[in-house]
N, C-alpha and C. Protein backbone atom coordinates (compact mmCIF):
# COMPACT_ATOMS: atom_id res chain seq x y z
N THR A 1 -218.96 96.18 -24.40
CA THR A 1 -218.57 97.23 -23.46
C THR A 1 -218.33 98.52 -24.23
N PRO A 2 -218.97 99.64 -23.85
CA PRO A 2 -218.76 100.88 -24.59
C PRO A 2 -217.32 101.36 -24.44
N SER A 3 -216.80 101.96 -25.49
CA SER A 3 -215.43 102.44 -25.43
C SER A 3 -215.35 103.68 -24.56
N VAL A 4 -214.19 103.84 -23.93
CA VAL A 4 -213.97 105.01 -23.07
C VAL A 4 -213.62 106.19 -23.96
N PRO A 5 -214.30 107.32 -23.79
CA PRO A 5 -213.98 108.49 -24.62
C PRO A 5 -212.51 108.87 -24.48
N GLU A 6 -211.97 109.40 -25.55
CA GLU A 6 -210.54 109.73 -25.59
C GLU A 6 -210.14 110.66 -24.45
N HIS A 7 -210.96 111.68 -24.19
CA HIS A 7 -210.56 112.63 -23.15
C HIS A 7 -210.55 112.00 -21.77
N ASP A 8 -211.40 110.98 -21.55
CA ASP A 8 -211.41 110.30 -20.26
C ASP A 8 -210.18 109.41 -20.10
N ARG A 9 -209.67 108.90 -21.20
CA ARG A 9 -208.45 108.08 -21.11
C ARG A 9 -207.24 108.95 -20.81
N VAL A 10 -207.25 110.16 -21.35
CA VAL A 10 -206.09 111.05 -21.15
C VAL A 10 -206.10 111.67 -19.76
N GLU A 11 -207.28 112.10 -19.32
CA GLU A 11 -207.38 112.80 -18.04
C GLU A 11 -207.60 111.82 -16.89
N THR A 12 -206.72 111.79 -15.92
CA THR A 12 -206.93 110.98 -14.73
C THR A 12 -207.95 111.66 -13.82
N ALA A 13 -207.97 112.98 -13.83
CA ALA A 13 -208.96 113.75 -13.07
C ALA A 13 -209.21 115.03 -13.83
N PRO A 14 -210.47 115.42 -13.96
CA PRO A 14 -210.74 116.65 -14.70
C PRO A 14 -210.17 117.85 -13.98
N PRO A 15 -209.60 118.81 -14.70
CA PRO A 15 -209.07 120.00 -14.05
C PRO A 15 -210.18 120.81 -13.41
N GLU A 16 -209.87 121.47 -12.31
CA GLU A 16 -210.86 122.26 -11.59
C GLU A 16 -210.35 123.67 -11.40
N GLY A 17 -211.25 124.60 -11.12
CA GLY A 17 -210.87 125.97 -10.81
C GLY A 17 -210.08 126.62 -11.93
N GLU A 18 -208.97 127.26 -11.54
CA GLU A 18 -208.12 127.95 -12.51
C GLU A 18 -207.55 126.98 -13.54
N SER A 19 -207.26 125.76 -13.11
CA SER A 19 -206.74 124.76 -14.05
C SER A 19 -207.74 124.48 -15.15
N ALA A 20 -209.03 124.46 -14.79
CA ALA A 20 -210.06 124.22 -15.80
C ALA A 20 -210.12 125.37 -16.80
N VAL A 21 -209.96 126.60 -16.30
CA VAL A 21 -209.96 127.77 -17.18
C VAL A 21 -208.78 127.68 -18.14
N THR A 22 -207.60 127.37 -17.59
CA THR A 22 -206.40 127.27 -18.41
C THR A 22 -206.54 126.14 -19.43
N PHE A 23 -207.08 125.01 -18.99
CA PHE A 23 -207.27 123.86 -19.88
C PHE A 23 -208.16 124.24 -21.05
N ALA A 24 -209.24 124.98 -20.76
CA ALA A 24 -210.15 125.41 -21.82
C ALA A 24 -209.44 126.33 -22.81
N LEU A 25 -208.60 127.22 -22.29
CA LEU A 25 -207.85 128.12 -23.17
C LEU A 25 -206.88 127.34 -24.06
N VAL A 26 -206.22 126.33 -23.48
CA VAL A 26 -205.30 125.51 -24.26
C VAL A 26 -206.05 124.79 -25.38
N GLU A 27 -207.20 124.21 -25.04
CA GLU A 27 -207.99 123.50 -26.06
C GLU A 27 -208.41 124.44 -27.18
N ARG A 28 -208.84 125.65 -26.82
CA ARG A 28 -209.24 126.63 -27.83
C ARG A 28 -208.05 127.04 -28.70
N ALA A 29 -206.90 127.25 -28.06
CA ALA A 29 -205.70 127.63 -28.81
C ALA A 29 -205.29 126.52 -29.77
N GLN A 30 -205.41 125.26 -29.32
CA GLN A 30 -205.07 124.13 -30.17
C GLN A 30 -206.01 124.02 -31.36
N ALA A 31 -207.21 124.56 -31.21
CA ALA A 31 -208.19 124.54 -32.30
C ALA A 31 -208.01 125.74 -33.23
N GLY A 32 -206.98 126.56 -32.94
CA GLY A 32 -206.69 127.68 -33.82
C GLY A 32 -207.25 129.01 -33.37
N ASP A 33 -207.72 129.09 -32.12
CA ASP A 33 -208.28 130.32 -31.60
C ASP A 33 -207.15 131.26 -31.14
N ALA A 34 -206.87 132.31 -31.93
CA ALA A 34 -205.77 133.22 -31.62
C ALA A 34 -206.03 134.00 -30.34
N GLU A 35 -207.29 134.33 -30.09
CA GLU A 35 -207.61 135.09 -28.88
C GLU A 35 -207.30 134.26 -27.63
N ALA A 36 -207.57 132.97 -27.68
CA ALA A 36 -207.29 132.10 -26.54
C ALA A 36 -205.79 132.04 -26.26
N PHE A 37 -204.99 131.95 -27.34
CA PHE A 37 -203.55 131.93 -27.12
C PHE A 37 -203.09 133.27 -26.54
N GLY A 38 -203.72 134.35 -26.99
CA GLY A 38 -203.39 135.66 -26.44
C GLY A 38 -203.67 135.74 -24.95
N LEU A 39 -204.75 135.09 -24.50
CA LEU A 39 -205.07 135.07 -23.08
C LEU A 39 -204.05 134.23 -22.30
N LEU A 40 -203.59 133.13 -22.91
CA LEU A 40 -202.53 132.34 -22.28
C LEU A 40 -201.26 133.17 -22.16
N TYR A 41 -200.96 133.92 -23.21
CA TYR A 41 -199.79 134.82 -23.21
C TYR A 41 -199.90 135.80 -22.03
N ASP A 42 -201.07 136.43 -21.89
CA ASP A 42 -201.26 137.40 -20.81
C ASP A 42 -201.06 136.77 -19.44
N ARG A 43 -201.50 135.52 -19.30
CA ARG A 43 -201.39 134.84 -18.01
C ARG A 43 -199.95 134.49 -17.65
N TYR A 44 -199.14 134.17 -18.66
CA TYR A 44 -197.82 133.60 -18.36
C TYR A 44 -196.62 134.44 -18.80
N VAL A 45 -196.85 135.55 -19.49
CA VAL A 45 -195.72 136.31 -20.01
C VAL A 45 -194.82 136.84 -18.89
N ASP A 46 -195.40 137.29 -17.78
CA ASP A 46 -194.57 137.81 -16.69
C ASP A 46 -193.71 136.72 -16.08
N GLN A 47 -194.30 135.53 -15.90
CA GLN A 47 -193.55 134.40 -15.34
C GLN A 47 -192.36 134.04 -16.24
N VAL A 48 -192.63 133.97 -17.55
CA VAL A 48 -191.57 133.61 -18.49
C VAL A 48 -190.50 134.70 -18.55
N TYR A 49 -190.94 135.95 -18.58
CA TYR A 49 -189.98 137.05 -18.64
C TYR A 49 -189.07 137.06 -17.41
N ARG A 50 -189.66 136.88 -16.22
CA ARG A 50 -188.84 136.89 -15.00
C ARG A 50 -187.81 135.77 -15.02
N TYR A 51 -188.23 134.59 -15.49
CA TYR A 51 -187.30 133.46 -15.57
C TYR A 51 -186.13 133.82 -16.49
N ILE A 52 -186.43 134.35 -17.67
CA ILE A 52 -185.38 134.66 -18.65
C ILE A 52 -184.52 135.83 -18.16
N ALA A 53 -185.15 136.87 -17.62
CA ALA A 53 -184.41 138.06 -17.19
C ALA A 53 -183.38 137.72 -16.12
N TYR A 54 -183.68 136.73 -15.32
CA TYR A 54 -182.73 136.30 -14.28
C TYR A 54 -181.49 135.65 -14.90
N ARG A 55 -181.66 135.06 -16.07
CA ARG A 55 -180.59 134.26 -16.66
C ARG A 55 -179.76 134.99 -17.71
N VAL A 56 -180.22 136.14 -18.18
CA VAL A 56 -179.49 136.84 -19.24
C VAL A 56 -179.04 138.21 -18.77
N ALA A 57 -178.19 138.85 -19.59
CA ALA A 57 -177.49 140.05 -19.14
C ALA A 57 -178.29 141.33 -19.30
N SER A 58 -179.29 141.37 -20.15
CA SER A 58 -179.99 142.63 -20.36
C SER A 58 -181.48 142.41 -20.55
N SER A 59 -182.26 143.45 -20.24
CA SER A 59 -183.70 143.36 -20.40
C SER A 59 -184.09 143.25 -21.87
N ALA A 60 -183.29 143.85 -22.75
CA ALA A 60 -183.59 143.76 -24.19
C ALA A 60 -183.49 142.32 -24.68
N VAL A 61 -182.44 141.61 -24.24
CA VAL A 61 -182.30 140.20 -24.61
C VAL A 61 -183.44 139.39 -24.01
N ALA A 62 -183.80 139.70 -22.76
CA ALA A 62 -184.89 138.97 -22.10
C ALA A 62 -186.20 139.16 -22.87
N GLU A 63 -186.45 140.38 -23.33
CA GLU A 63 -187.68 140.65 -24.08
C GLU A 63 -187.68 139.87 -25.41
N ASP A 64 -186.53 139.84 -26.08
CA ASP A 64 -186.44 139.10 -27.34
C ASP A 64 -186.70 137.61 -27.13
N LEU A 65 -186.07 137.05 -26.10
CA LEU A 65 -186.21 135.62 -25.85
C LEU A 65 -187.62 135.28 -25.35
N THR A 66 -188.24 136.20 -24.62
CA THR A 66 -189.62 135.98 -24.19
C THR A 66 -190.54 135.91 -25.41
N SER A 67 -190.35 136.85 -26.34
CA SER A 67 -191.15 136.83 -27.57
C SER A 67 -190.94 135.53 -28.35
N GLU A 68 -189.68 135.10 -28.44
CA GLU A 68 -189.37 133.86 -29.16
C GLU A 68 -190.00 132.66 -28.47
N THR A 69 -190.03 132.68 -27.13
CA THR A 69 -190.66 131.59 -26.38
C THR A 69 -192.11 131.41 -26.80
N PHE A 70 -192.85 132.50 -26.87
CA PHE A 70 -194.27 132.39 -27.20
C PHE A 70 -194.51 132.13 -28.68
N LEU A 71 -193.60 132.59 -29.53
CA LEU A 71 -193.71 132.24 -30.94
C LEU A 71 -193.52 130.74 -31.13
N ARG A 72 -192.53 130.19 -30.43
CA ARG A 72 -192.27 128.76 -30.52
C ARG A 72 -193.44 127.97 -29.92
N ALA A 73 -193.97 128.48 -28.80
CA ALA A 73 -195.11 127.81 -28.17
C ALA A 73 -196.33 127.81 -29.09
N LEU A 74 -196.54 128.93 -29.77
CA LEU A 74 -197.67 129.02 -30.69
C LEU A 74 -197.54 127.99 -31.81
N ARG A 75 -196.33 127.82 -32.32
CA ARG A 75 -196.09 126.84 -33.39
C ARG A 75 -196.29 125.41 -32.89
N ARG A 76 -196.06 125.19 -31.59
CA ARG A 76 -196.08 123.83 -31.04
C ARG A 76 -197.28 123.54 -30.16
N ILE A 77 -198.23 124.49 -30.04
CA ILE A 77 -199.32 124.31 -29.08
C ILE A 77 -200.11 123.04 -29.34
N SER A 78 -200.20 122.63 -30.61
CA SER A 78 -200.98 121.42 -30.92
C SER A 78 -200.33 120.16 -30.34
N SER A 79 -199.02 120.24 -30.03
CA SER A 79 -198.33 119.06 -29.50
C SER A 79 -198.43 118.98 -27.97
N PHE A 80 -198.94 120.04 -27.33
CA PHE A 80 -199.04 120.04 -25.87
C PHE A 80 -200.14 119.09 -25.42
N THR A 81 -199.80 118.19 -24.51
CA THR A 81 -200.81 117.30 -23.93
C THR A 81 -200.94 117.61 -22.45
N TRP A 82 -202.16 117.71 -21.97
CA TRP A 82 -202.40 118.13 -20.59
C TRP A 82 -201.86 117.08 -19.62
N GLN A 83 -202.60 116.00 -19.43
CA GLN A 83 -202.17 114.86 -18.60
C GLN A 83 -201.53 115.31 -17.28
N GLY A 84 -202.16 116.29 -16.63
CA GLY A 84 -201.66 116.74 -15.35
C GLY A 84 -200.53 117.76 -15.44
N ARG A 85 -200.05 118.03 -16.64
CA ARG A 85 -198.95 119.00 -16.79
C ARG A 85 -199.49 120.42 -16.69
N ASP A 86 -198.66 121.31 -16.22
CA ASP A 86 -199.02 122.71 -16.14
C ASP A 86 -198.48 123.41 -17.38
N VAL A 87 -199.34 124.16 -18.08
CA VAL A 87 -198.89 124.80 -19.31
C VAL A 87 -197.83 125.87 -19.02
N GLY A 88 -197.88 126.44 -17.81
CA GLY A 88 -196.86 127.42 -17.43
C GLY A 88 -195.47 126.78 -17.36
N ALA A 89 -195.42 125.56 -16.84
CA ALA A 89 -194.14 124.84 -16.80
C ALA A 89 -193.67 124.50 -18.21
N TRP A 90 -194.63 124.23 -19.10
CA TRP A 90 -194.28 123.96 -20.51
C TRP A 90 -193.67 125.20 -21.16
N PHE A 91 -194.29 126.37 -20.93
CA PHE A 91 -193.72 127.61 -21.46
C PHE A 91 -192.31 127.84 -20.91
N THR A 92 -192.13 127.57 -19.60
CA THR A 92 -190.83 127.78 -18.98
C THR A 92 -189.79 126.82 -19.55
N THR A 93 -190.20 125.60 -19.88
CA THR A 93 -189.28 124.64 -20.48
C THR A 93 -188.80 125.15 -21.84
N ILE A 94 -189.71 125.71 -22.63
CA ILE A 94 -189.32 126.29 -23.92
C ILE A 94 -188.35 127.44 -23.69
N ALA A 95 -188.65 128.28 -22.71
CA ALA A 95 -187.77 129.41 -22.40
C ALA A 95 -186.39 128.92 -21.98
N ARG A 96 -186.38 127.86 -21.18
CA ARG A 96 -185.09 127.31 -20.70
C ARG A 96 -184.24 126.85 -21.88
N ASN A 97 -184.86 126.20 -22.85
CA ASN A 97 -184.13 125.72 -24.03
C ASN A 97 -183.60 126.89 -24.86
N LEU A 98 -184.39 127.95 -24.96
CA LEU A 98 -183.94 129.13 -25.71
C LEU A 98 -182.78 129.82 -25.01
N VAL A 99 -182.84 129.89 -23.68
CA VAL A 99 -181.73 130.49 -22.94
C VAL A 99 -180.46 129.66 -23.13
N ALA A 100 -180.61 128.34 -23.11
CA ALA A 100 -179.46 127.46 -23.33
C ALA A 100 -178.86 127.70 -24.72
N ASP A 101 -179.73 127.81 -25.73
CA ASP A 101 -179.25 128.09 -27.09
C ASP A 101 -178.55 129.44 -27.15
N HIS A 102 -179.09 130.40 -26.42
CA HIS A 102 -178.53 131.75 -26.37
C HIS A 102 -177.08 131.70 -25.88
N TYR A 103 -176.83 130.93 -24.81
CA TYR A 103 -175.48 130.86 -24.27
C TYR A 103 -174.55 130.01 -25.13
N LYS A 104 -175.12 129.03 -25.82
CA LYS A 104 -174.28 128.23 -26.71
C LYS A 104 -173.73 129.07 -27.84
N SER A 105 -174.39 130.20 -28.13
CA SER A 105 -173.89 131.08 -29.19
C SER A 105 -172.57 131.72 -28.78
N GLY A 106 -172.28 131.71 -27.46
CA GLY A 106 -171.00 132.22 -26.99
C GLY A 106 -170.90 133.73 -26.91
N ARG A 107 -172.00 134.42 -27.16
CA ARG A 107 -171.93 135.88 -27.18
C ARG A 107 -172.19 136.51 -25.81
N TYR A 108 -172.78 135.75 -24.93
CA TYR A 108 -173.15 136.32 -23.64
C TYR A 108 -172.75 135.38 -22.50
N ARG A 109 -172.50 135.95 -21.34
CA ARG A 109 -172.22 135.12 -20.16
C ARG A 109 -173.38 135.27 -19.19
N LEU A 110 -173.54 134.26 -18.33
CA LEU A 110 -174.62 134.28 -17.35
C LEU A 110 -174.43 135.45 -16.39
N GLU A 111 -175.47 136.23 -16.22
CA GLU A 111 -175.39 137.36 -15.30
C GLU A 111 -176.72 137.53 -14.60
N LEU A 112 -176.68 137.68 -13.30
CA LEU A 112 -177.90 137.87 -12.53
C LEU A 112 -178.33 139.33 -12.64
N THR A 113 -179.56 139.57 -13.07
CA THR A 113 -180.07 140.93 -13.20
C THR A 113 -180.87 141.24 -11.95
N THR A 114 -180.18 141.76 -10.94
CA THR A 114 -180.82 141.91 -9.63
C THR A 114 -181.98 142.89 -9.67
N ASP A 115 -181.90 143.95 -10.47
CA ASP A 115 -182.98 144.92 -10.50
C ASP A 115 -184.27 144.28 -11.01
N ASP A 116 -184.14 143.47 -12.07
CA ASP A 116 -185.33 142.81 -12.61
C ASP A 116 -185.91 141.82 -11.61
N VAL A 117 -185.03 141.11 -10.90
CA VAL A 117 -185.49 140.11 -9.94
C VAL A 117 -186.20 140.77 -8.78
N THR A 118 -185.59 141.84 -8.23
CA THR A 118 -186.19 142.46 -7.05
C THR A 118 -187.47 143.20 -7.38
N ASP A 119 -187.68 143.53 -8.65
CA ASP A 119 -188.91 144.20 -9.06
C ASP A 119 -189.95 143.22 -9.58
N SER A 120 -189.71 141.93 -9.41
CA SER A 120 -190.54 140.93 -10.09
C SER A 120 -191.88 140.68 -9.40
N GLY A 121 -192.11 141.32 -8.25
CA GLY A 121 -193.43 141.17 -7.64
C GLY A 121 -193.40 140.25 -6.44
N SER A 122 -194.56 139.94 -5.92
CA SER A 122 -194.66 139.18 -4.69
C SER A 122 -194.35 137.71 -4.93
N ALA A 123 -193.81 137.09 -3.90
CA ALA A 123 -193.46 135.68 -3.99
C ALA A 123 -194.60 134.85 -3.43
N PRO A 124 -194.71 133.59 -3.84
CA PRO A 124 -195.79 132.74 -3.35
C PRO A 124 -195.59 132.33 -1.90
N THR A 125 -196.65 131.89 -1.26
CA THR A 125 -196.57 131.44 0.12
C THR A 125 -196.04 130.01 0.15
N ILE A 126 -194.95 129.81 0.87
CA ILE A 126 -194.38 128.48 1.01
C ILE A 126 -194.07 128.28 2.49
N GLU A 127 -194.48 127.15 3.03
CA GLU A 127 -194.22 126.85 4.44
C GLU A 127 -192.98 125.97 4.54
N GLY A 128 -192.43 125.90 5.74
CA GLY A 128 -191.32 124.99 5.96
C GLY A 128 -189.99 125.71 6.06
N PRO A 129 -188.89 124.96 6.05
CA PRO A 129 -187.57 125.54 6.27
C PRO A 129 -187.13 126.52 5.19
N GLU A 130 -187.80 126.48 4.02
CA GLU A 130 -187.41 127.39 2.95
C GLU A 130 -188.01 128.78 3.12
N ARG A 131 -188.90 128.95 4.09
CA ARG A 131 -189.64 130.21 4.23
C ARG A 131 -188.70 131.40 4.39
N ALA A 132 -187.65 131.22 5.22
CA ALA A 132 -186.73 132.33 5.44
C ALA A 132 -186.00 132.72 4.15
N VAL A 133 -185.68 131.71 3.35
CA VAL A 133 -185.04 132.00 2.06
C VAL A 133 -185.99 132.81 1.20
N LEU A 134 -187.24 132.37 1.15
CA LEU A 134 -188.24 133.04 0.33
C LEU A 134 -188.40 134.49 0.76
N GLU A 135 -188.48 134.72 2.07
CA GLU A 135 -188.70 136.07 2.57
C GLU A 135 -187.51 136.98 2.29
N GLY A 136 -186.33 136.37 2.14
CA GLY A 136 -185.14 137.17 1.92
C GLY A 136 -184.74 137.35 0.47
N MET A 137 -185.56 136.82 -0.47
CA MET A 137 -185.13 136.84 -1.86
C MET A 137 -185.05 138.23 -2.47
N THR A 138 -185.65 139.25 -1.81
CA THR A 138 -185.52 140.60 -2.33
C THR A 138 -184.25 141.27 -1.81
N ASN A 139 -183.52 140.58 -0.96
CA ASN A 139 -182.29 141.12 -0.41
C ASN A 139 -181.17 140.97 -1.43
N LYS A 140 -180.59 142.08 -1.86
CA LYS A 140 -179.58 142.00 -2.92
C LYS A 140 -178.33 141.24 -2.48
N VAL A 141 -178.05 141.26 -1.18
CA VAL A 141 -176.91 140.49 -0.68
C VAL A 141 -177.14 139.00 -0.95
N LEU A 142 -178.37 138.57 -0.68
CA LEU A 142 -178.70 137.17 -0.92
C LEU A 142 -178.66 136.86 -2.42
N LEU A 143 -179.16 137.78 -3.23
CA LEU A 143 -179.14 137.56 -4.67
C LEU A 143 -177.72 137.45 -5.21
N GLN A 144 -176.82 138.23 -4.64
CA GLN A 144 -175.42 138.13 -5.04
C GLN A 144 -174.86 136.76 -4.68
N ALA A 145 -175.29 136.23 -3.53
CA ALA A 145 -174.84 134.89 -3.13
C ALA A 145 -175.38 133.83 -4.08
N VAL A 146 -176.62 134.02 -4.54
CA VAL A 146 -177.22 133.06 -5.47
C VAL A 146 -176.37 132.95 -6.74
N LYS A 147 -175.77 134.07 -7.15
CA LYS A 147 -174.93 134.06 -8.35
C LYS A 147 -173.75 133.09 -8.22
N GLN A 148 -173.35 132.81 -6.98
CA GLN A 148 -172.18 131.96 -6.77
C GLN A 148 -172.52 130.46 -6.74
N LEU A 149 -173.80 130.14 -6.76
CA LEU A 149 -174.19 128.73 -6.81
C LEU A 149 -173.87 128.16 -8.19
N ASN A 150 -173.78 126.83 -8.27
CA ASN A 150 -173.59 126.25 -9.61
C ASN A 150 -174.87 126.42 -10.41
N ALA A 151 -174.79 126.18 -11.70
CA ALA A 151 -175.90 126.49 -12.61
C ALA A 151 -177.19 125.76 -12.22
N GLU A 152 -177.09 124.48 -11.85
CA GLU A 152 -178.29 123.73 -11.49
C GLU A 152 -178.93 124.24 -10.21
N GLN A 153 -178.08 124.57 -9.22
CA GLN A 153 -178.61 125.10 -7.97
C GLN A 153 -179.27 126.46 -8.20
N GLN A 154 -178.64 127.30 -9.01
CA GLN A 154 -179.23 128.60 -9.35
C GLN A 154 -180.61 128.40 -9.95
N GLU A 155 -180.68 127.52 -10.93
CA GLU A 155 -181.95 127.33 -11.63
C GLU A 155 -183.02 126.80 -10.69
N CYS A 156 -182.66 125.89 -9.82
CA CYS A 156 -183.60 125.34 -8.86
C CYS A 156 -184.16 126.45 -7.96
N ILE A 157 -183.28 127.31 -7.44
CA ILE A 157 -183.71 128.40 -6.57
C ILE A 157 -184.60 129.38 -7.32
N VAL A 158 -184.23 129.69 -8.56
CA VAL A 158 -185.04 130.62 -9.38
C VAL A 158 -186.43 130.05 -9.61
N LEU A 159 -186.50 128.81 -10.05
CA LEU A 159 -187.80 128.20 -10.36
C LEU A 159 -188.67 128.04 -9.11
N ARG A 160 -188.06 127.59 -8.02
CA ARG A 160 -188.84 127.32 -6.81
C ARG A 160 -189.29 128.60 -6.11
N PHE A 161 -188.36 129.54 -5.93
CA PHE A 161 -188.66 130.66 -5.06
C PHE A 161 -188.98 131.96 -5.80
N LEU A 162 -188.38 132.20 -6.94
CA LEU A 162 -188.71 133.41 -7.69
C LEU A 162 -189.90 133.17 -8.61
N GLN A 163 -189.95 131.99 -9.22
CA GLN A 163 -191.07 131.67 -10.10
C GLN A 163 -192.25 131.08 -9.33
N GLY A 164 -191.97 130.48 -8.18
CA GLY A 164 -193.05 129.89 -7.39
C GLY A 164 -193.54 128.56 -7.91
N LEU A 165 -192.73 127.86 -8.72
CA LEU A 165 -193.15 126.56 -9.21
C LEU A 165 -193.07 125.54 -8.08
N SER A 166 -193.91 124.52 -8.16
CA SER A 166 -193.86 123.44 -7.18
C SER A 166 -192.63 122.56 -7.45
N VAL A 167 -192.36 121.66 -6.52
CA VAL A 167 -191.27 120.71 -6.72
C VAL A 167 -191.50 119.91 -8.00
N ALA A 168 -192.74 119.45 -8.21
CA ALA A 168 -193.06 118.65 -9.39
C ALA A 168 -192.87 119.45 -10.68
N GLU A 169 -193.32 120.70 -10.67
CA GLU A 169 -193.17 121.55 -11.86
C GLU A 169 -191.71 121.86 -12.14
N THR A 170 -190.94 122.11 -11.07
CA THR A 170 -189.50 122.36 -11.23
C THR A 170 -188.81 121.13 -11.80
N ALA A 171 -189.21 119.96 -11.32
CA ALA A 171 -188.65 118.70 -11.82
C ALA A 171 -188.93 118.55 -13.31
N GLN A 172 -190.15 118.92 -13.71
CA GLN A 172 -190.55 118.82 -15.11
C GLN A 172 -189.69 119.73 -15.99
N VAL A 173 -189.50 120.97 -15.54
CA VAL A 173 -188.71 121.93 -16.32
C VAL A 173 -187.26 121.48 -16.42
N MET A 174 -186.69 120.99 -15.30
CA MET A 174 -185.28 120.65 -15.27
C MET A 174 -184.98 119.23 -15.72
N GLY A 175 -186.04 118.45 -16.01
CA GLY A 175 -185.82 117.09 -16.49
C GLY A 175 -185.31 116.15 -15.43
N LYS A 176 -185.75 116.37 -14.18
CA LYS A 176 -185.31 115.52 -13.07
C LYS A 176 -186.54 114.98 -12.34
N ASN A 177 -186.31 114.06 -11.39
CA ASN A 177 -187.44 113.60 -10.58
C ASN A 177 -187.57 114.46 -9.32
N ASP A 178 -188.69 114.30 -8.62
CA ASP A 178 -188.96 115.14 -7.45
C ASP A 178 -187.87 115.03 -6.39
N GLY A 179 -187.41 113.81 -6.16
CA GLY A 179 -186.38 113.61 -5.13
C GLY A 179 -185.09 114.35 -5.46
N ALA A 180 -184.73 114.36 -6.73
CA ALA A 180 -183.51 115.06 -7.15
C ALA A 180 -183.66 116.56 -6.94
N ILE A 181 -184.85 117.10 -7.19
CA ILE A 181 -185.09 118.53 -6.99
C ILE A 181 -185.01 118.88 -5.50
N LYS A 182 -185.60 118.04 -4.66
CA LYS A 182 -185.55 118.29 -3.21
C LYS A 182 -184.11 118.28 -2.72
N ALA A 183 -183.31 117.34 -3.21
CA ALA A 183 -181.91 117.26 -2.81
C ALA A 183 -181.14 118.48 -3.31
N LEU A 184 -181.41 118.88 -4.55
CA LEU A 184 -180.74 120.04 -5.14
C LEU A 184 -181.09 121.30 -4.37
N GLN A 185 -182.36 121.44 -4.03
CA GLN A 185 -182.82 122.60 -3.27
C GLN A 185 -182.15 122.63 -1.90
N TYR A 186 -182.07 121.48 -1.23
CA TYR A 186 -181.44 121.40 0.09
C TYR A 186 -179.98 121.82 0.02
N ARG A 187 -179.26 121.29 -0.98
CA ARG A 187 -177.84 121.64 -1.12
C ARG A 187 -177.66 123.12 -1.43
N ALA A 188 -178.57 123.67 -2.26
CA ALA A 188 -178.47 125.08 -2.63
C ALA A 188 -178.66 125.97 -1.40
N ILE A 189 -179.64 125.62 -0.56
CA ILE A 189 -179.90 126.43 0.63
C ILE A 189 -178.74 126.31 1.62
N ARG A 190 -178.20 125.10 1.77
CA ARG A 190 -177.03 124.92 2.65
C ARG A 190 -175.86 125.75 2.14
N THR A 191 -175.62 125.75 0.82
CA THR A 191 -174.52 126.51 0.25
C THR A 191 -174.74 128.00 0.44
N LEU A 192 -175.96 128.46 0.25
CA LEU A 192 -176.27 129.87 0.46
C LEU A 192 -175.95 130.28 1.89
N GLY A 193 -176.27 129.40 2.83
CA GLY A 193 -175.99 129.69 4.23
C GLY A 193 -174.50 129.93 4.48
N ARG A 194 -173.64 129.20 3.75
CA ARG A 194 -172.19 129.38 3.90
C ARG A 194 -171.69 130.61 3.15
N LEU A 195 -172.36 130.97 2.05
CA LEU A 195 -171.89 132.06 1.22
C LEU A 195 -172.27 133.44 1.77
N LEU A 196 -173.35 133.51 2.53
CA LEU A 196 -173.80 134.80 3.00
C LEU A 196 -172.84 135.40 4.01
N PRO A 197 -172.64 136.71 3.96
CA PRO A 197 -171.75 137.36 4.93
C PRO A 197 -172.25 137.19 6.35
N GLU A 198 -171.35 137.30 7.31
CA GLU A 198 -171.72 137.16 8.71
C GLU A 198 -172.76 138.22 9.07
N GLY A 199 -173.78 137.82 9.77
CA GLY A 199 -174.83 138.76 10.16
C GLY A 199 -176.04 138.74 9.24
N VAL A 200 -175.87 138.11 8.07
CA VAL A 200 -177.02 137.96 7.16
C VAL A 200 -177.49 136.53 7.29
N GLU A 201 -178.71 136.34 7.75
CA GLU A 201 -179.22 135.01 8.00
C GLU A 201 -180.25 134.61 6.96
N LEU A 202 -180.32 133.31 6.70
CA LEU A 202 -181.38 132.80 5.82
C LEU A 202 -182.69 132.79 6.59
């Protein structure tokens, strides 16, 4: 019996469309192609910056940590395995770890940077009960309410609605399963409903 090629064993289904383009860039970057990594940087730098800017006190710190995220990713790109994973979620996981290290230094406290968030661009299309939350995320009153959520709920809302990650991608970044993310998201939205001033609806 002929052996199954390595790439067929790793891939359950070949990537298609944009995923195929990204996959090709990752493979080229892993082979040492600096231009390919630069293209990955261009594709994901805004996503990573928005995630970090939401979690830190200043844009200067966010820029520094964004740069460090991609430096670390460049050093570790050979260890990235596709297997259905999204490279954007991988970059965000690195960013999340750097933000955690940043706060462990004790020099900064968590602060929501509303200007950066509200200027972060259009949000993805999401159907269902979360739609009203999504449509209201540019409302500074709502953003102030998000600041009052616990750290996990904040992160879930940021990843799902500001970053536009799927439930599965959010689970990957936060190290939880899909069910836990759905429950966390539900509790966060319920809490936001209680925190918002009268007359402001989700």
